[in-house]
Amino acid sequence: MNLPVESAYVMTAFGCHVEGEVSEAKLAQSLRFLAELQAQEGFVTPKVYLADTVGMANPQSIARRVDLAREILPQARIGLHLHDTRGIGMANALAGLQAGVDLFDASIAGLGGCPFTGGAHGASAGNICTEDLAFLCAELGIETGLDLGQLVEAARLAERIIGRRLEGRLMHSGLPTRGRAATP
């Protein structure tokens, strides 16, 4: 059966909860494996995501690894799957944007996460928040086509449904009113 492969994910591209930091050499090995598989099977994966599965990335590692992925897979659009485990998920997203990344995995109110990577305290942060990422893009003049007010409302609804405070910043602070629509 010939099914098109639309995207590929390199999980734990920055670090692993068992092995610790994943070296750039090990990431390069995984990316080369994907390139070889594509050549062998005669297909091209248009999108390749680097996943910070356990939240170990930092802005410098984002920039270096995006460059590495582009070097090994020049035909692919590189995306990022980021978590906010240590509070720098949005800094990592900014580093990705600055590196030219335009594909991001995110979730409303940061829901999701990797339950088996909770660390010493059994707690694991979720994904970066869609509404916070969309706000960052708007502040940088990057058009997303997303309605920030609706994203904030969706995040607040998710918080009510879950029944506990969720991690999103914009959902709690609201949209700024300087020259924009009032806070929803």
C-alpha atoms as a PDB file:
ATOM      1  CA  MET A   1       0.000   0.000   0.000  1.00  0.00           C
ATOM      2  CA  ASN A   2       1.451   3.382  -0.999  1.00  0.00           C
ATOM      3  CA  LEU A   3       0.389   5.915   1.575  1.00  0.00           C
ATOM      4  CA  PRO A   4       1.889   9.394   1.413  1.00  0.00           C
ATOM      5  CA  VAL A   5       4.018  10.388   4.388  1.00  0.00           C
ATOM      6  CA  GLU A   6       3.135  13.982   5.229  1.00  0.00           C
ATOM      7  CA  SER A   7       5.339  14.471   8.260  1.00  0.00           C
ATOM      8  CA  ALA A   8       7.888  12.750  10.436  1.00  0.00           C
ATOM      9  CA  TYR A   9       8.774  13.380  14.068  1.00  0.00           C
ATOM     10  CA  VAL A  10      12.154  12.931  15.684  1.00  0.00           C
ATOM     11  CA  MET A  11      11.159  12.286  19.283  1.00  0.00           C
ATOM     12  CA  THR A  12      13.460  13.319  22.138  1.00  0.00           C
ATOM     13  CA  ALA A  13      15.498  15.401  19.679  1.00  0.00           C
ATOM     14  CA  PHE A  14      16.893  17.494  22.547  1.00  0.00           C
ATOM     15  CA  GLY A  15      16.913  15.182  25.524  1.00  0.00           C
ATOM     16  CA  CYS A  16      15.539  12.023  27.041  1.00  0.00           C
ATOM     17  CA  HIS A  17      14.243  11.362  30.556  1.00  0.00           C
ATOM     18  CA  VAL A  18      16.368   8.201  30.691  1.00  0.00           C
ATOM     19  CA  GLU A  19      19.579   9.128  28.835  1.00  0.00           C
ATOM     20  CA  GLY A  20      19.684  12.861  29.515  1.00  0.00           C
ATOM     21  CA  GLU A  21      20.790  15.283  26.813  1.00  0.00           C
ATOM     22  CA  VAL A  22      20.691  13.904  23.285  1.00  0.00           C
ATOM     23  CA  SER A  23      23.837  14.948  21.435  1.00  0.00           C
ATOM     24  CA  GLU A  24      23.706  16.728  18.111  1.00  0.00           C
ATOM     25  CA  ALA A  25      25.639  13.763  16.678  1.00  0.00           C
ATOM     26  CA  LYS A  26      22.864  11.388  17.779  1.00  0.00           C
ATOM     27  CA  LEU A  27      20.211  13.703  16.308  1.00  0.00           C
ATOM     28  CA  ALA A  28      22.204  13.865  13.061  1.00  0.00           C
ATOM     29  CA  GLN A  29      22.257  10.054  13.016  1.00  0.00           C
ATOM     30  CA  SER A  30      18.444   9.954  13.295  1.00  0.00           C
ATOM     31  CA  LEU A  31      18.034  12.595  10.596  1.00  0.00           C
ATOM     32  CA  ARG A  32      20.439  10.760   8.268  1.00  0.00           C
ATOM     33  CA  PHE A  33      18.481   7.554   8.854  1.00  0.00           C
ATOM     34  CA  LEU A  34      15.337   9.374   7.726  1.00  0.00           C
ATOM     35  CA  ALA A  35      17.145  10.784   4.672  1.00  0.00           C
ATOM     36  CA  GLU A  36      18.453   7.310   3.759  1.00  0.00           C
ATOM     37  CA  LEU A  37      15.025   5.745   4.232  1.00  0.00           C
ATOM     38  CA  GLN A  38      13.484   8.359   1.968  1.00  0.00           C
ATOM     39  CA  ALA A  39      16.122   7.744  -0.711  1.00  0.00           C
ATOM     40  CA  GLN A  40      15.739   3.970  -0.437  1.00  0.00           C
ATOM     41  CA  GLU A  41      11.933   4.024  -0.582  1.00  0.00           C
ATOM     42  CA  GLY A  42      11.666   6.872  -3.095  1.00  0.00           C
ATOM     43  CA  PHE A  43       9.647   9.359  -1.070  1.00  0.00           C
ATOM     44  CA  VAL A  44      10.174  12.750   0.499  1.00  0.00           C
ATOM     45  CA  THR A  45       8.680  13.773   3.819  1.00  0.00           C
ATOM     46  CA  PRO A  46       7.619  17.399   3.351  1.00  0.00           C
ATOM     47  CA  LYS A  47       7.562  18.212   7.084  1.00  0.00           C
ATOM     48  CA  VAL A  48       9.971  17.033   9.757  1.00  0.00           C
ATOM     49  CA  TYR A  49       9.374  17.986  13.381  1.00  0.00           C
ATOM     50  CA  LEU A  50      12.019  18.074  16.083  1.00  0.00           C
ATOM     51  CA  ALA A  51      10.257  17.133  19.306  1.00  0.00           C
ATOM     52  CA  ASP A  52      11.347  18.443  22.673  1.00  0.00           C
ATOM     53  CA  THR A  53       9.458  15.547  24.192  1.00  0.00           C
ATOM     54  CA  VAL A  54      10.610  16.071  27.772  1.00  0.00           C
ATOM     55  CA  GLY A  55      11.267  19.823  27.759  1.00  0.00           C
ATOM     56  CA  MET A  56      15.074  19.813  27.757  1.00  0.00           C
ATOM     57  CA  ALA A  57      15.637  22.238  24.866  1.00  0.00           C
ATOM     58  CA  ASN A  58      16.918  25.776  25.246  1.00  0.00           C
ATOM     59  CA  PRO A  59      16.988  28.612  22.700  1.00  0.00           C
ATOM     60  CA  GLN A  60      20.569  27.874  21.627  1.00  0.00           C
ATOM     61  CA  SER A  61      19.905  24.177  21.104  1.00  0.00           C
ATOM     62  CA  ILE A  62      16.782  25.043  19.108  1.00  0.00           C
ATOM     63  CA  ALA A  63      18.751  27.214  16.675  1.00  0.00           C
ATOM     64  CA  ARG A  64      21.602  24.706  16.271  1.00  0.00           C
ATOM     65  CA  ARG A  65      19.361  21.691  15.776  1.00  0.00           C
ATOM     66  CA  VAL A  66      17.042  23.440  13.324  1.00  0.00           C
ATOM     67  CA  ASP A  67      20.137  24.350  11.275  1.00  0.00           C
ATOM     68  CA  LEU A  68      21.367  20.748  11.507  1.00  0.00           C
ATOM     69  CA  ALA A  69      18.018  19.372  10.338  1.00  0.00           C
ATOM     70  CA  ARG A  70      17.962  21.770   7.386  1.00  0.00           C
ATOM     71  CA  GLU A  71      21.495  20.742   6.439  1.00  0.00           C
ATOM     72  CA  ILE A  72      20.643  17.022   6.417  1.00  0.00           C
ATOM     73  CA  LEU A  73      17.081  17.328   5.044  1.00  0.00           C
ATOM     74  CA  PRO A  74      17.176  20.472   2.870  1.00  0.00           C
ATOM     75  CA  GLN A  75      13.909  19.618   1.092  1.00  0.00           C
ATOM     76  CA  ALA A  76      11.868  19.450   4.330  1.00  0.00           C
ATOM     77  CA  ARG A  77      10.098  22.192   6.232  1.00  0.00           C
ATOM     78  CA  ILE A  78      11.310  21.898   9.793  1.00  0.00           C
ATOM     79  CA  GLY A  79       8.777  22.134  12.600  1.00  0.00           C
ATOM     80  CA  LEU A  80       9.005  22.102  16.378  1.00  0.00           C
ATOM     81  CA  HIS A  81       7.032  20.225  19.020  1.00  0.00           C
ATOM     82  CA  LEU A  82       7.763  22.042  22.276  1.00  0.00           C
ATOM     83  CA  HIS A  83       6.940  21.547  25.937  1.00  0.00           C
ATOM     84  CA  ASP A  84       7.140  24.100  28.736  1.00  0.00           C
ATOM     85  CA  THR A  85       8.512  21.744  31.381  1.00  0.00           C
ATOM     86  CA  ARG A  86      11.108  24.187  32.706  1.00  0.00           C
ATOM     87  CA  GLY A  87       9.379  27.457  31.858  1.00  0.00           C
ATOM     88  CA  ILE A  88      11.242  28.308  28.645  1.00  0.00           C
ATOM     89  CA  GLY A  89       8.856  26.862  26.080  1.00  0.00           C
ATOM     90  CA  MET A  90       7.984  30.284  24.669  1.00  0.00           C
ATOM     91  CA  ALA A  91      11.657  31.322  24.587  1.00  0.00           C
ATOM     92  CA  ASN A  92      12.275  28.160  22.588  1.00  0.00           C
ATOM     93  CA  ALA A  93       9.389  29.032  20.270  1.00  0.00           C
ATOM     94  CA  LEU A  94      10.885  32.496  19.741  1.00  0.00           C
ATOM     95  CA  ALA A  95      14.251  30.904  18.919  1.00  0.00           C
ATOM     96  CA  GLY A  96      12.447  28.690  16.421  1.00  0.00           C
ATOM     97  CA  LEU A  97      10.699  31.662  14.839  1.00  0.00           C
ATOM     98  CA  GLN A  98      14.023  33.496  14.609  1.00  0.00           C
ATOM     99  CA  ALA A  99      15.487  30.415  12.902  1.00  0.00           C
ATOM    100  CA  GLY A 100      12.686  30.572  10.327  1.00  0.00           C
ATOM    101  CA  VAL A 101      10.503  27.770  11.684  1.00  0.00           C
ATOM    102  CA  ASP A 102       6.852  28.209  10.736  1.00  0.00           C
ATOM    103  CA  LEU A 103       5.427  24.875  11.901  1.00  0.00           C
ATOM    104  CA  PHE A 104       4.694  24.402  15.590  1.00  0.00           C
ATOM    105  CA  ASP A 105       2.758  21.874  17.607  1.00  0.00           C
ATOM    106  CA  ALA A 106       0.892  23.570  20.437  1.00  0.00           C
ATOM    107  CA  SER A 107      -2.288  22.944  22.399  1.00  0.00           C
ATOM    108  CA  ILE A 108      -5.039  25.046  23.917  1.00  0.00           C
ATOM    109  CA  ALA A 109      -4.077  25.981  27.491  1.00  0.00           C
ATOM    110  CA  GLY A 110      -1.005  23.748  27.203  1.00  0.00           C
ATOM    111  CA  LEU A 111      -3.039  20.573  27.589  1.00  0.00           C
ATOM    112  CA  GLY A 112      -1.193  17.390  26.838  1.00  0.00           C
ATOM    113  CA  GLY A 113       2.246  16.396  27.832  1.00  0.00           C
ATOM    114  CA  CYS A 114       4.227  13.278  28.322  1.00  0.00           C
ATOM    115  CA  PRO A 115       3.028  11.512  31.492  1.00  0.00           C
ATOM    116  CA  PHE A 116       5.912   9.039  31.684  1.00  0.00           C
ATOM    117  CA  THR A 117       8.555  11.788  31.819  1.00  0.00           C
ATOM    118  CA  GLY A 118       7.487  13.550  34.985  1.00  0.00           C
ATOM    119  CA  GLY A 119      10.866  13.508  36.659  1.00  0.00           C
ATOM    120  CA  ALA A 120      11.413  13.286  40.393  1.00  0.00           C
ATOM    121  CA  HIS A 121       8.068  14.772  41.371  1.00  0.00           C
ATOM    122  CA  GLY A 122       5.922  12.960  38.818  1.00  0.00           C
ATOM    123  CA  ALA A 123       4.772  16.205  37.236  1.00  0.00           C
ATOM    124  CA  SER A 124       5.253  16.977  33.580  1.00  0.00           C
ATOM    125  CA  ALA A 125       4.358  20.223  31.862  1.00  0.00           C
ATOM    126  CA  GLY A 126       2.182  20.129  28.823  1.00  0.00           C
ATOM    127  CA  ASN A 127       2.752  21.471  25.371  1.00  0.00           C
ATOM    128  CA  ILE A 128       3.303  25.143  24.710  1.00  0.00           C
ATOM    129  CA  CYS A 129      -0.005  27.009  24.688  1.00  0.00           C
ATOM    130  CA  THR A 130      -1.543  27.741  21.302  1.00  0.00           C
ATOM    131  CA  GLU A 131      -2.954  31.040  22.526  1.00  0.00           C
ATOM    132  CA  ASP A 132       0.399  32.181  23.956  1.00  0.00           C
ATOM    133  CA  LEU A 133       2.239  31.200  20.767  1.00  0.00           C
ATOM    134  CA  ALA A 134      -0.341  32.968  18.585  1.00  0.00           C
ATOM    135  CA  PHE A 135      -0.011  36.072  20.778  1.00  0.00           C
ATOM    136  CA  LEU A 136       3.787  35.973  20.452  1.00  0.00           C
ATOM    137  CA  CYS A 137       3.421  35.760  16.684  1.00  0.00           C
ATOM    138  CA  ALA A 138       0.960  38.670  16.649  1.00  0.00           C
ATOM    139  CA  GLU A 139       3.353  40.777  18.720  1.00  0.00           C
ATOM    140  CA  LEU A 140       6.097  40.029  16.196  1.00  0.00           C
ATOM    141  CA  GLY A 141       3.845  40.942  13.265  1.00  0.00           C
ATOM    142  CA  ILE A 142       3.537  37.328  12.100  1.00  0.00           C
ATOM    143  CA  GLU A 143       0.084  36.570  10.709  1.00  0.00           C
ATOM    144  CA  THR A 144      -1.356  33.250  11.873  1.00  0.00           C
ATOM    145  CA  GLY A 145      -4.977  33.544  10.798  1.00  0.00           C
ATOM    146  CA  LEU A 146      -6.013  32.658  14.351  1.00  0.00           C
ATOM    147  CA  ASP A 147      -8.466  34.695  16.413  1.00  0.00           C
ATOM    148  CA  LEU A 148      -6.766  35.472  19.734  1.00  0.00           C
ATOM    149  CA  GLY A 149     -10.053  36.223  21.492  1.00  0.00           C
ATOM    150  CA  GLN A 150     -11.497  32.860  20.492  1.00  0.00           C
ATOM    151  CA  LEU A 151      -8.300  31.082  21.535  1.00  0.00           C
ATOM    152  CA  VAL A 152      -8.450  32.732  24.962  1.00  0.00           C
ATOM    153  CA  GLU A 153     -12.089  31.732  25.358  1.00  0.00           C
ATOM    154  CA  ALA A 154     -11.270  28.152  24.334  1.00  0.00           C
ATOM    155  CA  ALA A 155      -8.437  28.042  26.897  1.00  0.00           C
ATOM    156  CA  ARG A 156     -10.725  29.355  29.630  1.00  0.00           C
ATOM    157  CA  LEU A 157     -13.354  26.778  28.685  1.00  0.00           C
ATOM    158  CA  ALA A 158     -10.716  24.027  28.853  1.00  0.00           C
ATOM    159  CA  GLU A 159      -9.745  25.217  32.321  1.00  0.00           C
ATOM    160  CA  ARG A 160     -13.371  25.069  33.482  1.00  0.00           C
ATOM    161  CA  ILE A 161     -13.815  21.591  32.034  1.00  0.00           C
ATOM    162  CA  ILE A 162     -10.583  20.261  33.564  1.00  0.00           C
ATOM    163  CA  GLY A 163     -11.448  21.869  36.887  1.00  0.00           C
ATOM    164  CA  ARG A 164      -8.011  23.211  37.787  1.00  0.00           C
ATOM    165  CA  ARG A 165      -5.800  26.133  36.863  1.00  0.00           C
ATOM    166  CA  LEU A 166      -4.057  25.542  33.551  1.00  0.00           C
ATOM    167  CA  GLU A 167      -0.730  26.964  32.453  1.00  0.00           C
ATOM    168  CA  GLY A 168      -1.632  29.516  29.782  1.00  0.00           C
ATOM    169  CA  ARG A 169      -0.461  33.069  30.381  1.00  0.00           C
ATOM    170  CA  LEU A 170      -2.733  34.937  27.970  1.00  0.00           C
ATOM    171  CA  MET A 171      -5.852  33.178  29.241  1.00  0.00           C
ATOM    172  CA  HIS A 172      -5.170  34.586  32.719  1.00  0.00           C
ATOM    173  CA  SER A 173      -3.776  38.016  31.856  1.00  0.00           C
ATOM    174  CA  GLY A 174      -6.067  38.777  28.923  1.00  0.00           C
ATOM    175  CA  LEU A 175      -5.249  40.608  25.740  1.00  0.00           C
ATOM    176  CA  PRO A 176      -3.661  44.051  26.030  1.00  0.00           C
ATOM    177  CA  THR A 177      -5.944  46.921  25.084  1.00  0.00           C
ATOM    178  CA  ARG A 178      -3.354  49.179  23.431  1.00  0.00           C
ATOM    179  CA  GLY A 179      -4.855  49.735  20.023  1.00  0.00           C
ATOM    180  CA  ARG A 180      -6.530  46.335  20.062  1.00  0.00           C
ATOM    181  CA  ALA A 181      -9.894  44.946  20.940  1.00  0.00           C
ATOM    182  CA  ALA A 182     -10.702  44.836  24.643  1.00  0.00           C
ATOM    183  CA  THR A 183      -9.812  41.789  26.708  1.00  0.00           C
ATOM    184  CA  PRO A 184     -12.346  39.028  26.163  1.00  0.00           C
END
